[in-house]
Amino acid sequence: MPAIHTSPAYELRARIQPTPLGHHLLLSTFVPTARRPEEQVKFSTTLSREELVALRDVIDQALSHSAA
C-alpha cells in the first residue's frame, strides 16, 4: 500500500481498489516504533465513481488554493 506521509515514527497509507459495488477506499496508519508494529485501518468505505470524482475535486481545489 503506497505511503502518503512518512516520518521515522509514522506512516499514513492509502489504497483504492475497484469492487463490484464501486471503489473501496482504505486509509491506514503504521507506527514502526510501536511495541507491536502493525497496520491499523483508520477509515474504510466504498465509493461510487461519482463520489470518488467528487473527492478528487475537493483535493484538487485544496491544492489549487495552496499554490496561490
Protein backbone atom coordinates (compact mmCIF):
# COMPACT_ATOMS: atom_id res chain seq x y z
CA MET A 1 0.00 0.00 0.00
CA PRO A 2 1.54 3.35 -1.02
CA ALA A 3 2.56 5.72 1.77
CA ILE A 4 1.11 9.24 1.59
CA HIS A 5 3.11 10.60 4.51
CA THR A 6 6.20 9.08 6.09
CA SER A 7 8.30 10.04 9.09
CA PRO A 8 10.63 7.94 11.24
CA ALA A 9 7.76 7.30 13.67
CA TYR A 10 4.63 7.21 11.50
CA GLU A 11 3.25 6.29 8.06
CA LEU A 12 -0.10 7.19 6.52
CA ARG A 13 -1.12 4.83 3.71
CA ALA A 14 -3.94 4.83 1.17
CA ARG A 15 -5.38 2.28 -1.23
CA ILE A 16 -8.27 2.37 -3.69
CA GLN A 17 -9.40 -0.88 -5.26
CA PRO A 18 -12.28 -1.48 -7.68
CA THR A 19 -15.06 -3.73 -6.43
CA PRO A 20 -18.35 -4.90 -7.96
CA LEU A 21 -20.10 -2.24 -5.82
CA GLY A 22 -17.77 0.69 -6.56
CA HIS A 23 -14.31 1.66 -5.35
CA HIS A 24 -13.05 0.61 -1.92
CA LEU A 25 -11.07 3.41 -0.22
CA LEU A 26 -8.86 2.43 2.71
CA LEU A 27 -6.74 4.79 4.83
CA SER A 28 -4.43 3.18 7.35
CA THR A 29 -1.52 4.03 9.62
CA PHE A 30 1.62 2.19 10.58
CA VAL A 31 3.83 3.03 13.56
CA PRO A 32 7.12 1.14 13.15
CA THR A 33 8.32 2.16 16.63
CA ALA A 34 5.27 0.71 18.41
CA ARG A 35 5.69 -2.17 20.82
CA ARG A 36 3.80 -4.37 18.33
CA PRO A 37 4.05 -2.64 14.94
CA GLU A 38 1.01 -3.34 12.78
CA GLU A 39 -1.08 -1.58 10.18
CA GLN A 40 -4.26 -0.08 11.62
CA VAL A 41 -7.27 0.85 9.48
CA LYS A 42 -8.40 4.40 10.25
CA PHE A 43 -11.06 4.79 7.56
CA SER A 44 -12.67 2.42 5.08
CA THR A 45 -15.61 2.90 2.72
CA THR A 46 -16.93 2.03 -0.71
CA LEU A 47 -17.49 4.97 -3.04
CA SER A 48 -19.24 5.21 -6.39
CA ARG A 49 -17.30 6.62 -9.34
CA GLU A 50 -19.13 9.93 -8.90
CA GLU A 51 -18.22 10.10 -5.21
CA LEU A 52 -14.59 9.31 -5.99
CA VAL A 53 -14.54 12.09 -8.62
CA ALA A 54 -16.08 14.48 -6.05
CA LEU A 55 -13.32 13.55 -3.57
CA ARG A 56 -10.69 14.19 -6.24
CA ASP A 57 -12.28 17.58 -6.97
CA VAL A 58 -12.09 18.54 -3.29
CA ILE A 59 -8.41 17.56 -3.19
CA ASP A 60 -7.67 19.42 -6.43
CA GLN A 61 -9.41 22.51 -5.09
CA ALA A 62 -7.38 22.41 -1.87
CA LEU A 63 -4.16 22.05 -3.86
CA SER A 64 -5.02 24.94 -6.18
CA HIS A 65 -5.71 27.22 -3.17
CA SER A 66 -2.42 26.26 -1.51
CA ALA A 67 -0.47 27.04 -4.70
CA ALA A 68 -1.83 30.59 -4.89
